[in-house]
Amino acid sequence: MPEAKATIYTVARAAGVSAQTVSRVLNGTGQVSEKTRAAVRAAIEAQGYRPNTVGRSLRASRTPMIGVLVADIGNPFYARLHRAIERRLAGSGYSLMLMNCDDDAQIERRQLDLLRSYRPAGLVIVPSIGSSLSEADLRAFGHVVSVSRVLDDLHVPAVVTDEREAVAAATAELLALGHTELAMILGPREASTTRAREQGFREAVTERPGCRGHVRHTDGTRQGGEAAAGELLGAHPGVTGMVGFNALVTEGIVSAVRTAGRGCPEEISVIGFTDAGWMTLYDPAISVIDQPVEEMGALAGRLLLDLAAGRSVDPGPWVVPSTLIRRGSVAPPATKKESST
């Protein structure tokens, strides 16, 4: 005889819970303990149960889909972020639709218009630079959480990292090693992440009398970082330490330092922002302020499920601390090392 098809009731019996509890786990609604949630997910997996999403969509005003709109899919940060959200929502009954806006506010609106037609249950968004979205624009998505960047003046829960403090601490570490002239290659001026990271850099330099700090703004790409770093090194040959805005810009800085014939870390120390695979392959390996991308994505997913369950969520922002990973690209400046020998 063919094997009986798994149903919500067979899953409930296997997990030792009611069908209503299974439904709450699938829909991400109601109060369910992590232990019970894990038992239900294990029973679903063991029985190969697949919810009837079409029927659920017809009964509800929204589809069991979560939109994830990121600023630049070419940036490794966003791939890691999407994976973390996907893992957190696994077993919740929601599927994800990934969309990209190339950090363009007009493309962002077009993508959101398209996404709206699917009647999604929620949205995780990394707002574009210069985003002009309003509460009315986001109301159609039911539940919204922003990540990395904050939607100014909107009551939307935001998951960010302590980028101002993290950059200030990393810059202070370079200054403590004896560097007196530093530079930071930033992203676009309009980005909230740029403003926070620039503030941290300037604060650290200002606290050290006699030290100088230079900044350049770019489009946040490798090419932009390389061009800005090359120009800055030519204009300010006394710079002995550089901080990158993100992994792409940092890659550009490393290339510019090499093109200028300067040694790292013998002549130029480099600290990046957001770890990337290439950083450990480079010789020397690049020190980096690492954003806890996986934690940020998991938290965004959890907040979205809490909202879908009708629970109250503080708009935050929810701050997840970054970590400075010390590798071989940082050392005291050459003059400091010479005077200590």
Protein backbone atom coordinates (compact mmCIF):
# COMPACT_ATOMS: atom_id res chain seq x y z
CA MET A 1 0.00 0.00 0.00
CA PRO A 2 1.25 3.53 -0.67
CA GLU A 3 2.52 5.39 2.35
CA ALA A 4 -0.08 7.68 3.92
CA LYS A 5 0.39 11.35 3.14
CA ALA A 6 1.66 13.45 6.04
CA THR A 7 -0.82 15.95 7.40
CA ILE A 8 -0.79 18.60 10.08
CA TYR A 9 -2.42 16.03 12.36
CA THR A 10 0.23 13.33 11.84
CA VAL A 11 2.92 15.95 12.49
CA ALA A 12 1.11 16.99 15.68
CA ARG A 13 0.93 13.39 16.94
CA ALA A 14 4.62 12.80 16.19
CA ALA A 15 5.64 15.99 18.01
CA GLY A 16 3.28 15.39 20.92
CA VAL A 17 1.45 18.68 20.44
CA SER A 18 -1.87 19.91 19.10
CA ALA A 19 -2.58 20.70 15.46
CA GLN A 20 -3.07 24.32 16.52
CA THR A 21 0.50 24.40 17.88
CA VAL A 22 1.83 23.03 14.58
CA SER A 23 -0.15 25.73 12.78
CA ARG A 24 1.36 28.42 15.03
CA VAL A 25 4.87 27.17 14.25
CA LEU A 26 4.16 27.14 10.51
CA ASN A 27 2.66 30.62 10.56
CA GLY A 28 5.12 32.12 13.03
CA THR A 29 2.24 33.22 15.25
CA GLY A 30 1.46 32.77 18.94
CA GLN A 31 3.66 31.88 21.86
CA VAL A 32 5.59 28.65 21.25
CA SER A 33 8.69 27.64 23.21
CA GLU A 34 11.92 26.96 21.33
CA LYS A 35 11.85 23.34 22.57
CA THR A 36 8.36 22.79 21.16
CA ARG A 37 9.22 24.63 17.96
CA ALA A 38 12.24 22.37 17.45
CA ALA A 39 10.13 19.24 18.06
CA VAL A 40 7.56 20.37 15.48
CA ARG A 41 10.23 21.16 12.91
CA ALA A 42 11.85 17.75 13.47
CA ALA A 43 8.48 16.02 12.93
CA ILE A 44 7.86 18.05 9.78
CA GLU A 45 11.26 17.06 8.42
CA ALA A 46 10.90 13.38 9.38
CA GLN A 47 7.49 13.05 7.73
CA GLY A 48 8.27 15.20 4.72
CA TYR A 49 5.23 17.34 5.43
CA ARG A 50 4.62 20.20 3.00
CA PRO A 51 1.98 22.79 3.94
CA ASN A 52 -0.64 23.69 1.36
CA THR A 53 0.62 27.23 0.75
CA VAL A 54 -1.94 27.90 -1.96
CA GLY A 55 -4.81 27.13 0.37
CA ARG A 56 -3.26 29.17 3.15
CA SER A 57 -2.82 32.12 0.79
CA LEU A 58 -6.44 31.96 -0.33
CA ARG A 59 -7.58 31.99 3.30
CA ALA A 60 -5.29 34.86 4.23
CA SER A 61 -4.82 38.32 2.81
CA ARG A 62 -1.11 37.71 2.27
CA THR A 63 1.12 35.02 0.80
CA PRO A 64 3.62 33.16 3.03
CA MET A 65 6.50 35.06 1.45
CA ILE A 66 9.06 37.44 2.90
CA GLY A 67 10.73 39.93 0.59
CA VAL A 68 14.43 40.68 1.14
CA LEU A 69 15.56 43.82 -0.68
CA VAL A 70 19.29 44.56 -0.49
CA ALA A 71 21.33 47.52 -1.69
CA ASP A 72 24.02 45.69 -3.70
CA ILE A 73 23.96 41.95 -4.31
CA GLY A 74 27.58 42.19 -5.53
CA ASN A 75 28.70 42.99 -1.97
CA PRO A 76 29.49 39.77 -0.04
CA PHE A 77 27.88 41.28 3.07
CA TYR A 78 24.42 41.00 1.54
CA ALA A 79 24.83 37.39 0.44
CA ARG A 80 25.79 36.47 4.01
CA LEU A 81 22.87 38.51 5.35
CA HIS A 82 20.33 36.76 3.12
CA ARG A 83 21.65 33.34 4.13
CA ALA A 84 21.35 34.22 7.83
CA ILE A 85 17.74 35.40 7.40
CA GLU A 86 16.91 32.27 5.42
CA ARG A 87 18.31 30.02 8.15
CA ARG A 88 16.37 31.83 10.87
CA LEU A 89 13.09 31.49 8.97
CA ALA A 90 13.64 27.83 8.06
CA GLY A 91 10.68 25.76 9.21
CA SER A 92 8.51 28.82 9.81
CA GLY A 93 6.42 28.28 6.68
CA TYR A 94 7.74 31.39 4.96
CA SER A 95 9.75 31.47 1.74
CA LEU A 96 12.08 34.31 0.74
CA MET A 97 12.25 36.42 -2.39
CA LEU A 98 15.62 38.17 -2.81
CA MET A 99 15.68 41.45 -4.72
CA ASN A 100 18.43 43.97 -5.48
CA CYS A 101 18.25 47.73 -6.07
CA ASP A 102 21.88 48.64 -6.87
CA ASP A 103 21.67 51.31 -4.16
CA ASP A 104 19.36 53.33 -6.40
CA ALA A 105 16.23 54.89 -4.86
CA GLN A 106 14.27 54.69 -8.14
CA ILE A 107 15.11 51.02 -8.65
CA GLU A 108 14.20 50.45 -5.00
CA ARG A 109 10.70 51.80 -5.65
CA ARG A 110 10.26 49.69 -8.79
CA GLN A 111 11.35 46.55 -6.96
CA LEU A 112 8.99 47.26 -4.08
CA ASP A 113 6.11 47.85 -6.51
CA LEU A 114 6.81 44.44 -8.03
CA LEU A 115 7.12 42.78 -4.65
CA ARG A 116 3.86 44.36 -3.48
CA SER A 117 1.98 42.51 -6.24
CA TYR A 118 2.85 39.20 -4.52
CA ARG A 119 1.13 40.34 -1.29
CA PRO A 120 4.10 39.34 0.90
CA ALA A 121 3.71 38.78 4.62
CA GLY A 122 6.74 40.91 5.41
CA LEU A 123 9.83 42.71 4.22
CA VAL A 124 13.46 42.87 5.32
CA ILE A 125 15.10 45.86 3.68
CA VAL A 126 18.53 47.43 3.44
CA PRO A 127 17.39 50.92 2.37
CA SER A 128 19.05 52.47 -0.65
CA ILE A 129 21.17 55.58 -0.34
CA GLY A 130 18.82 58.53 -0.55
CA SER A 131 15.77 56.36 0.06
CA SER A 132 12.60 58.45 0.33
CA LEU A 133 10.25 55.68 1.45
CA SER A 134 7.36 56.67 3.69
CA GLU A 135 5.24 54.74 6.16
CA ALA A 136 2.51 54.58 3.50
CA ASP A 137 4.97 52.93 1.08
CA LEU A 138 5.79 50.24 3.63
CA ARG A 139 2.28 49.64 4.96
CA ALA A 140 1.50 47.28 2.08
CA PHE A 141 4.16 44.86 3.33
CA GLY A 142 2.55 44.23 6.69
CA HIS A 143 5.68 43.80 8.78
CA VAL A 144 8.99 45.52 7.99
CA VAL A 145 12.49 45.31 9.50
CA SER A 146 15.49 47.27 8.21
CA VAL A 147 19.07 46.04 8.45
CA SER A 148 22.43 47.86 8.40
CA ARG A 149 20.87 51.22 7.57
CA VAL A 150 18.11 53.05 9.42
CA LEU A 151 14.96 54.36 7.75
CA ASP A 152 15.03 57.89 9.17
CA ASP A 153 11.84 59.16 10.82
CA LEU A 154 9.99 55.87 10.30
CA HIS A 155 8.94 53.61 13.16
CA VAL A 156 10.55 50.52 11.65
CA PRO A 157 12.63 48.12 13.76
CA ALA A 158 16.26 48.42 12.67
CA VAL A 159 19.14 45.99 13.19
CA VAL A 160 22.55 47.69 13.02
CA THR A 161 26.06 47.31 14.36
CA ASP A 162 27.99 49.70 16.60
CA GLU A 163 29.90 51.07 13.62
CA ARG A 164 30.76 54.48 15.09
CA GLU A 165 32.22 52.97 18.25
CA ALA A 166 33.91 50.14 16.34
CA VAL A 167 35.66 52.48 13.90
CA ALA A 168 36.67 54.81 16.74
CA ALA A 169 38.23 51.89 18.65
CA ALA A 170 40.10 50.58 15.60
CA THR A 171 41.39 54.07 14.76
CA ALA A 172 42.47 54.59 18.38
CA GLU A 173 44.44 51.35 18.17
CA LEU A 174 46.37 52.67 15.16
CA LEU A 175 47.07 55.93 17.00
CA ALA A 176 48.24 54.02 20.07
CA LEU A 177 50.82 52.24 17.91
CA GLY A 178 52.35 55.61 17.05
CA HIS A 179 50.60 56.54 13.79
CA THR A 180 50.01 60.29 13.64
CA GLU A 181 48.55 60.71 10.13
CA LEU A 182 45.68 58.45 9.12
CA ALA A 183 43.09 58.26 6.38
CA MET A 184 39.67 56.66 5.95
CA ILE A 185 38.18 55.84 2.56
CA LEU A 186 34.42 56.05 3.00
CA GLY A 187 31.24 55.30 1.08
CA PRO A 188 28.67 57.80 -0.27
CA ARG A 189 28.04 60.85 1.90
CA GLU A 190 24.27 60.22 1.94
CA ALA A 191 24.52 56.78 3.58
CA SER A 192 23.82 56.56 7.32
CA THR A 193 26.62 53.98 7.55
CA THR A 194 29.08 56.47 6.04
CA ARG A 195 28.10 59.18 8.49
CA ALA A 196 28.44 56.88 11.51
CA ARG A 197 31.80 55.46 10.47
CA GLU A 198 33.20 58.86 9.55
CA GLN A 199 32.10 60.21 12.93
CA GLY A 200 33.92 57.41 14.73
CA PHE A 201 37.11 58.01 12.74
CA ARG A 202 37.09 61.77 13.32
CA GLU A 203 36.33 61.41 17.03
CA ALA A 204 39.31 59.12 17.57
CA VAL A 205 41.71 61.39 15.67
CA THR A 206 40.44 64.52 17.41
CA GLU A 207 41.11 62.99 20.82
CA ARG A 208 44.82 62.69 19.97
CA PRO A 209 46.49 66.13 19.90
CA GLY A 210 48.93 66.53 17.04
CA CYS A 211 47.36 63.76 14.93
CA ARG A 212 45.79 64.29 11.52
CA GLY A 213 42.98 62.46 9.75
CA HIS A 214 41.98 62.62 6.09
CA VAL A 215 38.79 61.27 4.50
CA ARG A 216 37.64 60.59 0.98
CA HIS A 217 34.13 59.65 -0.09
CA THR A 218 33.47 57.06 -2.80
CA ASP A 219 30.63 55.04 -4.29
CA GLY A 220 31.54 52.15 -1.98
CA THR A 221 33.03 49.95 -4.72
CA ARG A 222 36.47 48.41 -5.17
CA GLN A 223 37.20 50.72 -8.09
CA GLY A 224 36.09 53.78 -6.14
CA GLY A 225 38.20 52.75 -3.16
CA GLU A 226 41.28 52.18 -5.28
CA ALA A 227 40.97 55.54 -7.06
CA ALA A 228 40.39 57.49 -3.83
CA ALA A 229 43.19 55.74 -1.95
CA GLY A 230 45.63 56.29 -4.80
CA GLU A 231 44.77 59.99 -4.99
CA LEU A 232 45.03 60.40 -1.22
CA LEU A 233 48.41 58.67 -0.96
CA GLY A 234 49.72 61.04 -3.62
CA ALA A 235 48.31 64.12 -1.91
CA HIS A 236 49.33 63.09 1.61
CA PRO A 237 52.52 60.96 1.49
CA GLY A 238 52.81 61.15 5.29
CA VAL A 239 49.80 58.86 5.80
CA THR A 240 50.87 55.61 7.50
CA GLY A 241 47.51 54.03 8.29
CA MET A 242 44.24 53.60 6.37
CA VAL A 243 40.76 52.37 7.29
CA GLY A 244 38.33 51.04 4.68
CA PHE A 245 34.56 51.65 4.60
CA ASN A 246 33.66 48.08 3.59
CA ALA A 247 35.25 44.94 2.15
CA LEU A 248 35.11 46.22 -1.43
CA VAL A 249 36.68 49.59 -0.62
CA THR A 250 39.33 47.87 1.50
CA GLU A 251 40.25 45.67 -1.46
CA GLY A 252 40.72 48.85 -3.48
CA ILE A 253 42.93 50.36 -0.75
CA VAL A 254 45.18 47.29 -0.72
CA SER A 255 45.53 47.50 -4.50
CA ALA A 256 46.32 51.24 -4.37
CA VAL A 257 48.98 50.71 -1.69
CA ARG A 258 50.63 48.07 -3.83
CA THR A 259 50.42 50.21 -6.98
CA ALA A 260 52.05 53.10 -5.10
CA GLY A 261 54.96 50.83 -4.24
CA ARG A 262 54.26 51.11 -0.52
CA GLY A 263 54.68 48.11 1.78
CA CYS A 264 51.91 46.82 4.05
CA PRO A 265 52.29 46.99 7.01
CA GLU A 266 55.89 48.28 6.79
CA GLU A 267 54.80 51.65 5.40
CA ILE A 268 51.00 51.58 5.44
CA SER A 269 48.83 49.78 7.98
CA VAL A 270 45.36 48.78 6.73
CA ILE A 271 42.15 47.95 8.60
CA GLY A 272 39.02 46.90 6.70
CA PHE A 273 35.34 46.80 7.59
CA THR A 274 33.34 43.54 7.28
CA ASP A 275 35.38 40.38 6.88
CA ALA A 276 35.67 38.71 3.47
CA GLY A 277 37.35 35.52 2.31
CA TRP A 278 40.07 37.28 0.33
CA MET A 279 41.34 39.07 3.46
CA THR A 280 42.95 35.92 4.87
CA LEU A 281 44.42 34.95 1.49
CA TYR A 282 46.27 38.23 1.08
CA ASP A 283 49.83 38.44 2.44
CA PRO A 284 49.74 39.89 5.02
CA ALA A 285 46.21 38.94 6.08
CA ILE A 286 44.05 42.04 6.54
CA SER A 287 42.92 43.20 9.96
CA VAL A 288 39.21 43.98 9.94
CA ILE A 289 36.30 45.34 11.92
CA ASP A 290 33.95 42.44 11.39
CA GLN A 291 30.23 43.05 11.39
CA PRO A 292 28.34 40.12 12.97
CA VAL A 293 26.37 39.59 9.74
CA GLU A 294 24.97 36.20 10.73
CA GLU A 295 23.73 37.57 14.06
CA MET A 296 22.22 40.61 12.39
CA GLY A 297 20.36 38.49 9.84
CA ALA A 298 19.12 36.05 12.48
CA LEU A 299 17.90 38.91 14.66
CA ALA A 300 16.10 40.53 11.72
CA GLY A 301 14.38 37.23 11.01
CA ARG A 302 13.38 36.82 14.64
CA LEU A 303 11.96 40.33 14.86
CA LEU A 304 9.92 39.73 11.70
CA LEU A 305 8.48 36.51 13.14
CA ASP A 306 7.66 38.33 16.38
CA LEU A 307 5.79 41.00 14.42
CA ALA A 308 3.93 38.35 12.42
CA ALA A 309 2.94 36.68 15.69
CA GLY A 310 1.41 39.94 16.89
CA ARG A 311 4.07 40.59 19.50
CA SER A 312 5.20 44.13 20.25
CA VAL A 313 8.68 44.94 18.92
CA ASP A 314 10.72 47.97 19.97
CA PRO A 315 11.91 49.89 16.88
CA GLY A 316 15.36 50.11 18.43
CA PRO A 317 17.71 50.40 16.73
CA TRP A 318 18.86 46.94 17.83
CA VAL A 319 22.66 47.15 18.04
CA VAL A 320 24.84 44.08 17.57
CA PRO A 321 28.52 44.69 18.51
CA SER A 322 31.27 44.32 15.90
CA THR A 323 34.65 42.69 16.57
CA LEU A 324 38.13 43.85 15.61
CA ILE A 325 40.00 40.89 14.12
CA ARG A 326 43.74 41.58 14.39
CA ARG A 327 45.87 40.14 11.61
CA GLY A 328 49.14 41.01 9.91
CA SER A 329 48.26 44.26 8.11
CA VAL A 330 48.78 46.51 11.15
CA ALA A 331 52.10 47.51 12.73
CA PRO A 332 53.75 50.59 14.26
CA PRO A 333 54.87 53.15 11.65
CA ALA A 334 58.42 52.74 10.35
CA THR A 335 59.75 55.78 12.24
CA LYS A 336 58.34 54.42 15.50
CA LYS A 337 59.90 51.00 14.94
CA GLU A 338 63.27 52.55 14.07
CA SER A 339 63.31 54.69 17.23
CA SER A 340 62.59 51.66 19.43
CA THR A 341 65.51 49.61 18.07
